[in-house]
C-alpha atoms as a PDB file:
ATOM      1  CA  MET A   1     -20.643  60.546  42.909  1.00  0.00           C
ATOM      2  CA  SER A   2     -19.432  57.406  42.232  1.00  0.00           C
ATOM      3  CA  GLU A   3     -19.752  55.954  38.549  1.00  0.00           C
ATOM      4  CA  PRO A   4     -22.069  52.779  38.360  1.00  0.00           C
ATOM      5  CA  VAL A   5     -20.326  49.429  38.739  1.00  0.00           C
ATOM      6  CA  LYS A   6     -20.642  47.464  35.493  1.00  0.00           C
ATOM      7  CA  ASP A   7     -21.806  43.961  35.367  1.00  0.00           C
ATOM      8  CA  PRO A   8     -18.666  41.969  34.400  1.00  0.00           C
ATOM      9  CA  GLU A   9     -20.725  39.207  32.560  1.00  0.00           C
ATOM     10  CA  SER A  10     -22.240  41.528  30.511  1.00  0.00           C
ATOM     11  CA  ALA A  11     -18.948  43.291  29.108  1.00  0.00           C
ATOM     12  CA  SER A  12     -17.820  41.235  25.884  1.00  0.00           C
ATOM     13  CA  PRO A  13     -14.284  39.685  26.210  1.00  0.00           C
ATOM     14  CA  PRO A  14     -12.208  41.027  23.265  1.00  0.00           C
ATOM     15  CA  PRO A  15     -11.605  38.711  20.427  1.00  0.00           C
ATOM     16  CA  VAL A  16      -9.279  35.777  20.892  1.00  0.00           C
ATOM     17  CA  LYS A  17      -6.518  36.094  18.088  1.00  0.00           C
ATOM     18  CA  PRO A  18      -4.540  33.036  17.129  1.00  0.00           C
ATOM     19  CA  ARG A  19      -1.333  32.833  18.429  1.00  0.00           C
ATOM     20  CA  SER A  20       1.778  33.424  16.294  1.00  0.00           C
ATOM     21  CA  GLY A  21       2.742  29.809  16.783  1.00  0.00           C
ATOM     22  CA  GLN A  22      -0.593  28.551  15.410  1.00  0.00           C
ATOM     23  CA  ARG A  23      -0.633  30.586  12.338  1.00  0.00           C
ATOM     24  CA  GLY A  24       3.086  29.591  11.749  1.00  0.00           C
ATOM     25  CA  LEU A  25       1.905  26.028  11.929  1.00  0.00           C
ATOM     26  CA  VAL A  26      -0.826  26.330   9.541  1.00  0.00           C
ATOM     27  CA  ALA A  27       1.323  28.512   7.021  1.00  0.00           C
ATOM     28  CA  GLY A  28       4.011  25.354   7.409  1.00  0.00           C
ATOM     29  CA  LEU A  29       1.551  22.738   6.765  1.00  0.00           C
ATOM     30  CA  ALA A  30      -0.072  24.721   3.675  1.00  0.00           C
ATOM     31  CA  ALA A  31       3.339  25.265   2.107  1.00  0.00           C
ATOM     32  CA  ALA A  32       4.530  21.601   2.761  1.00  0.00           C
ATOM     33  CA  LEU A  33       1.414  20.365   1.016  1.00  0.00           C
ATOM     34  CA  ILE A  34       1.658  22.626  -1.816  1.00  0.00           C
ATOM     35  CA  TYR A  35       5.481  21.799  -2.386  1.00  0.00           C
ATOM     36  CA  ALA A  36       4.478  18.011  -1.756  1.00  0.00           C
ATOM     37  CA  LEU A  37       1.800  18.173  -4.800  1.00  0.00           C
ATOM     38  CA  ILE A  38       4.684  20.093  -7.066  1.00  0.00           C
ATOM     39  CA  ILE A  39       7.401  17.119  -6.480  1.00  0.00           C
ATOM     40  CA  TYR A  40       4.566  14.762  -7.437  1.00  0.00           C
ATOM     41  CA  GLY A  41       4.012  16.709 -10.773  1.00  0.00           C
ATOM     42  CA  TRP A  42       7.642  16.959 -11.375  1.00  0.00           C
ATOM     43  CA  THR A  43       8.266  13.102 -11.103  1.00  0.00           C
ATOM     44  CA  ARG A  44       4.893  12.459 -13.203  1.00  0.00           C
ATOM     45  CA  VAL A  45       6.135  15.055 -15.963  1.00  0.00           C
ATOM     46  CA  HIS A  46      10.005  14.198 -15.989  1.00  0.00           C
ATOM     47  CA  ALA A  47       9.584  10.597 -15.331  1.00  0.00           C
ATOM     48  CA  PRO A  48       6.325   9.442 -16.049  1.00  0.00           C
ATOM     49  CA  GLY A  49       7.380   5.658 -16.725  1.00  0.00           C
ATOM     50  CA  SER A  50       9.178   5.386 -13.102  1.00  0.00           C
ATOM     51  CA  GLY A  51       6.917   3.701 -10.858  1.00  0.00           C
ATOM     52  CA  MET A  52       9.034   4.237  -7.617  1.00  0.00           C
ATOM     53  CA  LEU A  53      11.518   7.101  -7.350  1.00  0.00           C
ATOM     54  CA  VAL A  54      13.332   6.738  -4.131  1.00  0.00           C
ATOM     55  CA  ILE A  55      15.221  10.099  -3.867  1.00  0.00           C
ATOM     56  CA  ALA A  56      12.785  12.134  -5.756  1.00  0.00           C
ATOM     57  CA  PHE A  57       9.502  10.906  -4.198  1.00  0.00           C
ATOM     58  CA  LEU A  58       9.632   8.072  -1.699  1.00  0.00           C
ATOM     59  CA  LEU A  59      12.134   9.629   0.735  1.00  0.00           C
ATOM     60  CA  GLY A  60      12.139  13.059  -1.004  1.00  0.00           C
ATOM     61  CA  ALA A  61       8.563  14.122  -0.752  1.00  0.00           C
ATOM     62  CA  PRO A  62       7.972  13.385   2.956  1.00  0.00           C
ATOM     63  CA  VAL A  63      11.616  14.914   3.914  1.00  0.00           C
ATOM     64  CA  ALA A  64      11.119  18.217   1.933  1.00  0.00           C
ATOM     65  CA  ALA A  65       7.460  18.584   3.142  1.00  0.00           C
ATOM     66  CA  VAL A  66       8.208  18.091   6.883  1.00  0.00           C
ATOM     67  CA  VAL A  67      11.400  20.372   6.614  1.00  0.00           C
ATOM     68  CA  MET A  68       9.320  23.279   5.262  1.00  0.00           C
ATOM     69  CA  ALA A  69       6.633  22.682   7.843  1.00  0.00           C
ATOM     70  CA  VAL A  70       8.881  22.836  11.015  1.00  0.00           C
ATOM     71  CA  ARG A  71      10.977  25.430   9.576  1.00  0.00           C
ATOM     72  CA  ILE A  72       7.983  28.037   9.098  1.00  0.00           C
ATOM     73  CA  SER A  73       6.164  26.945  12.117  1.00  0.00           C
ATOM     74  CA  ASP A  74       9.081  27.073  14.560  1.00  0.00           C
ATOM     75  CA  PRO A  75      12.040  29.250  12.390  1.00  0.00           C
ATOM     76  CA  HIS A  76      14.694  28.873  15.263  1.00  0.00           C
ATOM     77  CA  GLY A  77      13.950  25.672  16.859  1.00  0.00           C
ATOM     78  CA  LYS A  78      12.726  26.861  20.223  1.00  0.00           C
ATOM     79  CA  GLU A  79       9.828  24.408  20.472  1.00  0.00           C
ATOM     80  CA  ARG A  80      10.338  21.079  22.230  1.00  0.00           C
ATOM     81  CA  THR A  81      11.000  17.882  20.284  1.00  0.00           C
ATOM     82  CA  GLY A  82       7.602  16.715  20.847  1.00  0.00           C
ATOM     83  CA  GLN A  83       5.989  19.634  19.254  1.00  0.00           C
ATOM     84  CA  HIS A  84       8.317  19.076  16.075  1.00  0.00           C
ATOM     85  CA  ILE A  85       7.256  15.321  16.243  1.00  0.00           C
ATOM     86  CA  GLY A  86       3.537  16.169  15.793  1.00  0.00           C
ATOM     87  CA  THR A  87       4.296  18.579  13.467  1.00  0.00           C
ATOM     88  CA  GLY A  88       6.046  16.019  11.267  1.00  0.00           C
ATOM     89  CA  ALA A  89       3.279  13.607  11.881  1.00  0.00           C
ATOM     90  CA  LEU A  90       0.377  15.975  10.898  1.00  0.00           C
ATOM     91  CA  THR A  91       2.269  16.827   7.842  1.00  0.00           C
ATOM     92  CA  ILE A  92       2.586  13.120   6.605  1.00  0.00           C
ATOM     93  CA  THR A  93      -1.063  12.357   7.609  1.00  0.00           C
ATOM     94  CA  LEU A  94      -2.024  15.422   5.534  1.00  0.00           C
ATOM     95  CA  MET A  95      -0.197  14.471   2.692  1.00  0.00           C
ATOM     96  CA  LEU A  96      -1.632  10.911   2.653  1.00  0.00           C
ATOM     97  CA  ILE A  97      -5.039  12.333   2.934  1.00  0.00           C
ATOM     98  CA  SER A  98      -4.393  14.752   0.240  1.00  0.00           C
ATOM     99  CA  GLY A  99      -2.835  11.842  -1.954  1.00  0.00           C
ATOM    100  CA  GLY A 100      -6.295   9.648  -1.591  1.00  0.00           C
ATOM    101  CA  ILE A 101      -8.466  12.756  -2.366  1.00  0.00           C
ATOM    102  CA  VAL A 102      -6.569  15.356  -4.691  1.00  0.00           C
ATOM    103  CA  LEU A 103      -4.160  12.625  -6.564  1.00  0.00           C
ATOM    104  CA  ARG A 104      -6.806   9.640  -6.329  1.00  0.00           C
ATOM    105  CA  GLU A 105      -4.088   7.047  -5.060  1.00  0.00           C
ATOM    106  CA  GLY A 106      -5.742   4.074  -3.849  1.00  0.00           C
ATOM    107  CA  ALA A 107      -5.563   2.603  -0.952  1.00  0.00           C
ATOM    108  CA  VAL A 108      -2.915  -0.034  -1.417  1.00  0.00           C
ATOM    109  CA  CYS A 109      -0.514   2.667  -2.666  1.00  0.00           C
ATOM    110  CA  LEU A 110      -1.139   4.841   0.568  1.00  0.00           C
ATOM    111  CA  ILE A 111      -0.768   1.861   3.062  1.00  0.00           C
ATOM    112  CA  MET A 112       2.441   0.681   1.605  1.00  0.00           C
ATOM    113  CA  ALA A 113       3.967   4.344   1.538  1.00  0.00           C
ATOM    114  CA  ALA A 114       2.747   5.135   5.135  1.00  0.00           C
ATOM    115  CA  PRO A 115       5.241   3.157   7.272  1.00  0.00           C
ATOM    116  CA  ILE A 116       8.182   4.910   5.254  1.00  0.00           C
ATOM    117  CA  PHE A 117       6.535   8.111   5.212  1.00  0.00           C
ATOM    118  CA  TYR A 118       5.792   8.506   8.941  1.00  0.00           C
ATOM    119  CA  GLY A 119       9.336   6.756   9.666  1.00  0.00           C
ATOM    120  CA  VAL A 120      11.195   9.349   7.492  1.00  0.00           C
ATOM    121  CA  GLY A 121       9.041  12.122   8.248  1.00  0.00           C
ATOM    122  CA  ILE A 122       9.300  11.913  12.075  1.00  0.00           C
ATOM    123  CA  LEU A 123      13.061  11.388  11.976  1.00  0.00           C
ATOM    124  CA  THR A 124      13.296  14.558   9.697  1.00  0.00           C
ATOM    125  CA  ALA A 125      11.105  16.480  12.070  1.00  0.00           C
ATOM    126  CA  VAL A 126      13.407  15.700  14.942  1.00  0.00           C
ATOM    127  CA  ILE A 127      16.599  16.562  12.708  1.00  0.00           C
ATOM    128  CA  THR A 128      15.147  19.848  11.373  1.00  0.00           C
ATOM    129  CA  GLY A 129      14.001  21.003  14.981  1.00  0.00           C
ATOM    130  CA  ALA A 130      17.565  20.681  16.096  1.00  0.00           C
ATOM    131  CA  ALA A 131      19.156  21.904  13.059  1.00  0.00           C
ATOM    132  CA  SER A 132      17.142  25.178  12.927  1.00  0.00           C
ATOM    133  CA  ARG A 133      18.803  26.512  16.307  1.00  0.00           C
ATOM    134  CA  THR A 134      21.937  27.229  14.409  1.00  0.00           C
ATOM    135  CA  ALA A 135      22.550  29.687  11.410  1.00  0.00           C
ATOM    136  CA  GLY A 136      24.365  26.756   9.654  1.00  0.00           C
ATOM    137  CA  GLY A 137      21.624  24.061  10.403  1.00  0.00           C
ATOM    138  CA  ARG A 138      18.952  26.274   8.891  1.00  0.00           C
ATOM    139  CA  VAL A 139      21.084  26.974   5.371  1.00  0.00           C
ATOM    140  CA  LEU A 140      21.571  23.092   5.510  1.00  0.00           C
ATOM    141  CA  CYS A 141      17.833  22.427   5.661  1.00  0.00           C
ATOM    142  CA  LEU A 142      16.933  24.978   2.887  1.00  0.00           C
ATOM    143  CA  ALA A 143      19.514  22.935   0.808  1.00  0.00           C
ATOM    144  CA  VAL A 144      17.577  19.650   1.561  1.00  0.00           C
ATOM    145  CA  LEU A 145      14.411  20.953  -0.159  1.00  0.00           C
ATOM    146  CA  ALA A 146      15.985  20.578  -3.480  1.00  0.00           C
ATOM    147  CA  LEU A 147      16.433  16.966  -2.859  1.00  0.00           C
ATOM    148  CA  PRO A 148      13.400  15.748  -4.813  1.00  0.00           C
ATOM    149  CA  LEU A 149      14.066  18.080  -7.671  1.00  0.00           C
ATOM    150  CA  VAL A 150      17.607  16.773  -8.196  1.00  0.00           C
ATOM    151  CA  GLY A 151      16.682  13.040  -7.698  1.00  0.00           C
ATOM    152  CA  VAL A 152      14.921  12.401 -10.994  1.00  0.00           C
ATOM    153  CA  PRO A 153      17.786  12.928 -13.081  1.00  0.00           C
ATOM    154  CA  LEU A 154      19.627  10.711 -10.937  1.00  0.00           C
ATOM    155  CA  GLU A 155      17.395   7.991 -10.652  1.00  0.00           C
ATOM    156  CA  ASP A 156      15.355   7.999 -13.922  1.00  0.00           C
ATOM    157  CA  PRO A 157      18.021   6.285 -16.027  1.00  0.00           C
ATOM    158  CA  LYS A 158      18.831   3.673 -13.830  1.00  0.00           C
ATOM    159  CA  VAL A 159      17.173  -0.088 -14.443  1.00  0.00           C
ATOM    160  CA  ASP A 160      15.999  -1.523 -10.909  1.00  0.00           C
ATOM    161  CA  PRO A 161      17.167  -5.101  -9.765  1.00  0.00           C
ATOM    162  CA  ALA A 162      14.458  -7.659 -10.736  1.00  0.00           C
ATOM    163  CA  GLU A 163      13.286 -10.512  -8.293  1.00  0.00           C
ATOM    164  CA  THR A 164      11.229 -13.506  -8.693  1.00  0.00           C
ATOM    165  CA  ARG A 165       9.435 -14.217  -5.404  1.00  0.00           C
ATOM    166  CA  TYR A 166       7.030 -17.188  -3.796  1.00  0.00           C
ATOM    167  CA  VAL A 167       4.214 -16.886  -1.144  1.00  0.00           C
ATOM    168  CA  VAL A 168       3.541 -20.430   0.387  1.00  0.00           C
ATOM    169  CA  SER A 169       0.379 -21.192   2.297  1.00  0.00           C
ATOM    170  CA  THR A 170      -0.928 -24.647   3.489  1.00  0.00           C
ATOM    171  CA  ILE A 171      -3.581 -25.887   5.148  1.00  0.00           C
ATOM    172  CA  VAL A 172      -4.478 -29.539   6.220  1.00  0.00           C
ATOM    173  CA  VAL A 173      -8.553 -30.588   4.956  1.00  0.00           C
ATOM    174  CA  ASP A 174     -10.327 -33.371   6.920  1.00  0.00           C
ATOM    175  CA  ALA A 175     -11.352 -34.875   3.754  1.00  0.00           C
ATOM    176  CA  PRO A 176      -9.789 -37.256   1.074  1.00  0.00           C
ATOM    177  CA  THR A 177      -7.641 -35.885  -1.738  1.00  0.00           C
ATOM    178  CA  GLU A 178     -10.471 -36.822  -4.606  1.00  0.00           C
ATOM    179  CA  VAL A 179     -12.934 -34.369  -2.675  1.00  0.00           C
ATOM    180  CA  VAL A 180     -10.439 -31.846  -2.174  1.00  0.00           C
ATOM    181  CA  TRP A 181      -9.496 -31.876  -5.888  1.00  0.00           C
ATOM    182  CA  ASP A 182     -13.111 -31.534  -6.975  1.00  0.00           C
ATOM    183  CA  GLY A 183     -13.671 -28.906  -4.758  1.00  0.00           C
ATOM    184  CA  LEU A 184     -10.642 -26.538  -5.990  1.00  0.00           C
ATOM    185  CA  ILE A 185     -11.146 -27.288 -10.002  1.00  0.00           C
ATOM    186  CA  ASN A 186     -14.366 -25.027  -9.652  1.00  0.00           C
ATOM    187  CA  ILE A 187     -15.069 -22.892  -6.709  1.00  0.00           C
ATOM    188  CA  ARG A 188     -18.306 -21.514  -7.852  1.00  0.00           C
ATOM    189  CA  ALA A 189     -20.498 -18.543  -6.099  1.00  0.00           C
ATOM    190  CA  ILE A 190     -18.470 -17.882  -2.987  1.00  0.00           C
ATOM    191  CA  ASP A 191     -20.604 -16.341  -0.621  1.00  0.00           C
ATOM    192  CA  VAL A 192     -19.822 -13.624   1.660  1.00  0.00           C
ATOM    193  CA  ALA A 193     -20.236 -15.655   4.747  1.00  0.00           C
ATOM    194  CA  GLU A 194     -17.801 -18.147   3.784  1.00  0.00           C
ATOM    195  CA  GLN A 195     -15.293 -15.377   3.314  1.00  0.00           C
ATOM    196  CA  ARG A 196     -12.418 -15.085   6.007  1.00  0.00           C
ATOM    197  CA  TRP A 197     -12.214 -11.159   7.471  1.00  0.00           C
ATOM    198  CA  ASN A 198      -8.537 -10.135   7.008  1.00  0.00           C
ATOM    199  CA  PHE A 199      -6.426  -6.965   6.472  1.00  0.00           C
ATOM    200  CA  THR A 200      -6.141  -7.070   2.516  1.00  0.00           C
ATOM    201  CA  HIS A 201      -9.867  -7.076   1.731  1.00  0.00           C
ATOM    202  CA  ASP A 202     -11.656  -5.916   4.799  1.00  0.00           C
ATOM    203  CA  LEU A 203      -9.298  -2.748   5.620  1.00  0.00           C
ATOM    204  CA  VAL A 204      -7.401  -2.135   2.329  1.00  0.00           C
ATOM    205  CA  GLY A 205     -10.131  -3.040   0.170  1.00  0.00           C
ATOM    206  CA  VAL A 206      -8.525  -5.259  -2.309  1.00  0.00           C
ATOM    207  CA  PRO A 207     -11.366  -7.103  -4.353  1.00  0.00           C
ATOM    208  CA  ARG A 208     -12.215 -10.638  -2.985  1.00  0.00           C
ATOM    209  CA  PRO A 209     -12.809 -13.653  -5.376  1.00  0.00           C
ATOM    210  CA  VAL A 210     -16.404 -14.725  -5.795  1.00  0.00           C
ATOM    211  CA  ASP A 211     -16.194 -17.486  -8.521  1.00  0.00           C
ATOM    212  CA  ALA A 212     -13.893 -19.571 -10.131  1.00  0.00           C
ATOM    213  CA  ARG A 213     -15.183 -21.786 -13.223  1.00  0.00           C
ATOM    214  CA  MET A 214     -13.096 -24.361 -14.965  1.00  0.00           C
ATOM    215  CA  GLU A 215     -13.620 -24.583 -18.973  1.00  0.00           C
ATOM    216  CA  GLY A 216     -12.178 -27.841 -20.162  1.00  0.00           C
ATOM    217  CA  ALA A 217      -9.896 -30.528 -18.702  1.00  0.00           C
ATOM    218  CA  GLY A 218      -6.153 -31.178 -18.518  1.00  0.00           C
ATOM    219  CA  VAL A 219      -3.424 -29.262 -19.640  1.00  0.00           C
ATOM    220  CA  GLY A 220      -4.803 -26.388 -21.852  1.00  0.00           C
ATOM    221  CA  ALA A 221      -7.884 -25.888 -19.858  1.00  0.00           C
ATOM    222  CA  VAL A 222      -8.820 -22.285 -19.052  1.00  0.00           C
ATOM    223  CA  ARG A 223     -10.245 -21.128 -15.655  1.00  0.00           C
ATOM    224  CA  HIS A 224     -12.059 -18.098 -15.504  1.00  0.00           C
ATOM    225  CA  LEU A 225     -12.229 -15.962 -12.252  1.00  0.00           C
ATOM    226  CA  THR A 226     -14.314 -13.428 -10.862  1.00  0.00           C
ATOM    227  CA  TRP A 227     -13.513 -10.949  -8.207  1.00  0.00           C
ATOM    228  CA  ALA A 228     -15.608  -8.318  -6.576  1.00  0.00           C
ATOM    229  CA  LYS A 229     -15.652  -4.792  -8.450  1.00  0.00           C
ATOM    230  CA  GLY A 230     -16.052  -6.298 -11.622  1.00  0.00           C
ATOM    231  CA  VAL A 231     -12.464  -7.997 -11.823  1.00  0.00           C
ATOM    232  CA  ARG A 232     -12.485 -10.668 -14.385  1.00  0.00           C
ATOM    233  CA  PHE A 233      -9.268 -12.800 -15.532  1.00  0.00           C
ATOM    234  CA  GLN A 234      -8.211 -15.983 -16.580  1.00  0.00           C
ATOM    235  CA  GLU A 235      -5.779 -18.861 -15.560  1.00  0.00           C
ATOM    236  CA  HIS A 236      -4.628 -21.164 -18.172  1.00  0.00           C
ATOM    237  CA  ILE A 237      -3.690 -24.749 -16.836  1.00  0.00           C
ATOM    238  CA  THR A 238      -0.228 -25.979 -17.500  1.00  0.00           C
ATOM    239  CA  GLU A 239      -0.354 -28.700 -15.357  1.00  0.00           C
ATOM    240  CA  TRP A 240      -2.952 -31.174 -14.594  1.00  0.00           C
ATOM    241  CA  ARG A 241      -2.734 -34.096 -12.136  1.00  0.00           C
ATOM    242  CA  PRO A 242      -5.852 -34.901 -10.467  1.00  0.00           C
ATOM    243  CA  GLY A 243      -5.397 -35.589  -6.872  1.00  0.00           C
ATOM    244  CA  GLN A 244      -2.013 -34.381  -6.730  1.00  0.00           C
ATOM    245  CA  SER A 245      -1.271 -31.006  -8.377  1.00  0.00           C
ATOM    246  CA  LEU A 246      -2.841 -28.285 -10.553  1.00  0.00           C
ATOM    247  CA  ALA A 247      -0.435 -25.496 -11.940  1.00  0.00           C
ATOM    248  CA  TRP A 248      -1.526 -22.335 -14.005  1.00  0.00           C
ATOM    249  CA  THR A 249      -0.243 -19.219 -15.584  1.00  0.00           C
ATOM    250  CA  PHE A 250      -2.268 -15.710 -15.218  1.00  0.00           C
ATOM    251  CA  GLU A 251      -3.749 -13.883 -18.237  1.00  0.00           C
ATOM    252  CA  VAL A 252      -4.469 -10.483 -16.799  1.00  0.00           C
ATOM    253  CA  GLY A 253      -6.110  -8.046 -19.232  1.00  0.00           C
ATOM    254  CA  PRO A 254      -5.507  -4.149 -18.770  1.00  0.00           C
ATOM    255  CA  GLU A 255      -8.743  -3.574 -17.351  1.00  0.00           C
ATOM    256  CA  ALA A 256      -8.331  -6.249 -14.530  1.00  0.00           C
ATOM    257  CA  SER A 257      -4.912  -5.044 -13.970  1.00  0.00           C
ATOM    258  CA  THR A 258      -5.764  -1.674 -12.713  1.00  0.00           C
ATOM    259  CA  ARG A 259      -8.597  -3.083 -10.656  1.00  0.00           C
ATOM    260  CA  MET A 260      -7.031  -5.715  -8.719  1.00  0.00           C
ATOM    261  CA  LEU A 261      -4.661  -3.558  -6.545  1.00  0.00           C
ATOM    262  CA  ASP A 262      -4.891   0.151  -7.611  1.00  0.00           C
ATOM    263  CA  GLU A 263      -4.923   2.342 -10.682  1.00  0.00           C
ATOM    264  CA  HIS A 264      -1.106   2.980  -9.908  1.00  0.00           C
ATOM    265  CA  LEU A 265      -0.144  -0.220  -9.132  1.00  0.00           C
ATOM    266  CA  ARG A 266      -0.822  -2.435 -11.892  1.00  0.00           C
ATOM    267  CA  VAL A 267      -0.520  -6.071 -11.554  1.00  0.00           C
ATOM    268  CA  ASN A 268       1.015  -6.853 -15.113  1.00  0.00           C
ATOM    269  CA  SER A 269       3.622  -3.654 -15.424  1.00  0.00           C
ATOM    270  CA  ASP A 270       7.164  -2.816 -15.682  1.00  0.00           C
ATOM    271  CA  TYR A 271       7.463  -3.607 -11.925  1.00  0.00           C
ATOM    272  CA  LEU A 272       4.898  -5.961 -10.865  1.00  0.00           C
ATOM    273  CA  ARG A 273       3.661  -9.458 -12.608  1.00  0.00           C
ATOM    274  CA  LEU A 274       1.890 -12.460 -11.612  1.00  0.00           C
ATOM    275  CA  GLU A 275       3.705 -15.610 -13.275  1.00  0.00           C
ATOM    276  CA  GLN A 276       2.224 -18.767 -11.697  1.00  0.00           C
ATOM    277  CA  GLY A 277      -0.046 -20.425  -9.291  1.00  0.00           C
ATOM    278  CA  ARG A 278       0.185 -23.930  -7.862  1.00  0.00           C
ATOM    279  CA  TYR A 279      -2.203 -26.166  -5.781  1.00  0.00           C
ATOM    280  CA  THR A 280      -0.305 -29.408  -4.589  1.00  0.00           C
ATOM    281  CA  LEU A 281      -2.220 -32.197  -2.735  1.00  0.00           C
ATOM    282  CA  ARG A 282      -0.900 -34.643  -0.262  1.00  0.00           C
ATOM    283  CA  ALA A 283      -2.607 -37.748   1.035  1.00  0.00           C
ATOM    284  CA  MET A 284      -1.971 -37.937   4.862  1.00  0.00           C
ATOM    285  CA  ALA A 285      -1.959 -41.452   6.580  1.00  0.00           C
ATOM    286  CA  ASP A 286      -5.304 -40.565   8.403  1.00  0.00           C
ATOM    287  CA  GLY A 287      -7.440 -40.008   5.419  1.00  0.00           C
ATOM    288  CA  ARG A 288      -6.952 -36.059   5.571  1.00  0.00           C
ATOM    289  CA  THR A 289      -5.317 -34.121   2.705  1.00  0.00           C
ATOM    290  CA  HIS A 290      -2.253 -31.692   2.935  1.00  0.00           C
ATOM    291  CA  VAL A 291      -2.968 -28.642   0.530  1.00  0.00           C
ATOM    292  CA  THR A 292      -0.262 -26.122  -0.511  1.00  0.00           C
ATOM    293  CA  LEU A 293      -1.391 -23.096  -2.482  1.00  0.00           C
ATOM    294  CA  THR A 294       1.899 -21.449  -4.066  1.00  0.00           C
ATOM    295  CA  SER A 295       1.846 -18.106  -5.903  1.00  0.00           C
ATOM    296  CA  ARG A 296       5.036 -16.988  -8.112  1.00  0.00           C
ATOM    297  CA  TYR A 297       5.517 -13.297  -8.834  1.00  0.00           C
ATOM    298  CA  TRP A 298       8.088 -11.003 -10.399  1.00  0.00           C
ATOM    299  CA  ILE A 299       8.803  -7.766  -8.934  1.00  0.00           C
ATOM    300  CA  ARG A 300      11.449  -4.705 -10.293  1.00  0.00           C
ATOM    301  CA  THR A 301      11.606  -1.663  -7.410  1.00  0.00           C
ATOM    302  CA  PRO A 302      14.449   0.041  -5.745  1.00  0.00           C
ATOM    303  CA  ILE A 303      12.958  -1.681  -2.346  1.00  0.00           C
ATOM    304  CA  ASN A 304      12.466  -5.082  -3.227  1.00  0.00           C
ATOM    305  CA  SER A 305      12.509  -6.327   0.161  1.00  0.00           C
ATOM    306  CA  TYR A 306       9.947  -4.069   1.301  1.00  0.00           C
ATOM    307  CA  ALA A 307       7.790  -4.518  -1.535  1.00  0.00           C
ATOM    308  CA  GLY A 308       8.037  -8.431  -1.128  1.00  0.00           C
ATOM    309  CA  TRP A 309       6.944  -8.252   2.564  1.00  0.00           C
ATOM    310  CA  TRP A 310       3.784  -6.516   1.124  1.00  0.00           C
ATOM    311  CA  GLY A 311       3.680  -9.060  -1.463  1.00  0.00           C
ATOM    312  CA  GLN A 312       3.527 -11.776   1.282  1.00  0.00           C
ATOM    313  CA  VAL A 313       0.813  -9.755   3.291  1.00  0.00           C
ATOM    314  CA  PHE A 314      -1.673  -9.415   0.459  1.00  0.00           C
ATOM    315  CA  LEU A 315      -1.246 -12.837  -1.371  1.00  0.00           C
ATOM    316  CA  GLY A 316      -1.023 -14.574   2.188  1.00  0.00           C
ATOM    317  CA  ASP A 317      -4.428 -13.148   3.005  1.00  0.00           C
ATOM    318  CA  PHE A 318      -5.782 -14.086  -0.517  1.00  0.00           C
ATOM    319  CA  HIS A 319      -4.470 -17.536  -0.021  1.00  0.00           C
ATOM    320  CA  ARG A 320      -5.813 -18.159   3.592  1.00  0.00           C
ATOM    321  CA  ASN A 321      -9.121 -16.918   2.612  1.00  0.00           C
ATOM    322  CA  VAL A 322      -9.287 -19.378  -0.675  1.00  0.00           C
ATOM    323  CA  LEU A 323      -7.926 -22.280   1.167  1.00  0.00           C
ATOM    324  CA  GLY A 324     -10.567 -21.660   3.892  1.00  0.00           C
ATOM    325  CA  VAL A 325     -13.358 -21.816   1.392  1.00  0.00           C
ATOM    326  CA  ILE A 326     -11.805 -25.056  -0.063  1.00  0.00           C
ATOM    327  CA  LYS A 327     -11.465 -26.725   3.407  1.00  0.00           C
ATOM    328  CA  ALA A 328     -15.130 -26.045   4.716  1.00  0.00           C
ATOM    329  CA  ARG A 329     -16.861 -26.953   1.360  1.00  0.00           C
ATOM    330  CA  ALA A 330     -14.435 -30.459   1.079  1.00  0.00           C
ATOM    331  CA  GLU A 331     -15.136 -30.981   4.781  1.00  0.00           C
ATOM    332  CA  THR A 332     -18.851 -30.713   4.363  1.00  0.00           C
ATOM    333  CA  ALA A 333     -19.490 -32.114   1.106  1.00  0.00           C
END
């Protein structure tokens, strides 16, 4: 007698086990994140006053984490370069997400670090994948893991160079200088509808200015500023020439210093200080006014050029936002 034929659809398929490559990738990513957290803790414990350690953290952390992830997920470099690049990019993405959730890093710090982390991480992934194909290369990869740990004693004693930088923005207002002057002395109750969309405020989340109230007149007067998220600070007037120029220095308290940008990126610190602001007005022949807003700040980091580029982005967005409010109000006064 013939045996009954079983319905193929009624038979349960055997459970699909994850491929060894998938298990290796998960293990590599987990090990990379744990090691990155160890590096972060190492730098904070052994160099608590150091804002930016290049070898120990800014370069060392993504390099070490990506080397570990690629080496564990593909020990002998058998995967294609594209796979290694994907592993490196995924490792950096998880590092940045973990930095925001676990380490409470703010958006400003994460966004500033992201281009460096991704660039270094992807390059490291390609090199690590190729190096893993030889015994000597695999040994070298293991040696690289010590890079962040030896970076702290190498970098901590040194003093980074200091630089004074300027951000200058201009706008032409279709109004006479006296009207513009009256409008920039006090900029009260700035409505959301008056604000311009920009990268710094709308994507990064840096607080927007919402009010500026002048107390007194002339040199020695104080302007009280309020930004969103409860940020309050003062500007002390050092130059007062009606219709021509207004200059001031900043007084930013500890609480406002941490809320302006990021808890870990204080405005008044050993590596960043706001020094002076200035409006310059110039009457044009056709009755309009040329307005220039200048901010002067001081930075001391191992990557002043890179940090200065971000200063141009953040302060430039702030300038354009405030100048846009001044222009709109003066032209409808």
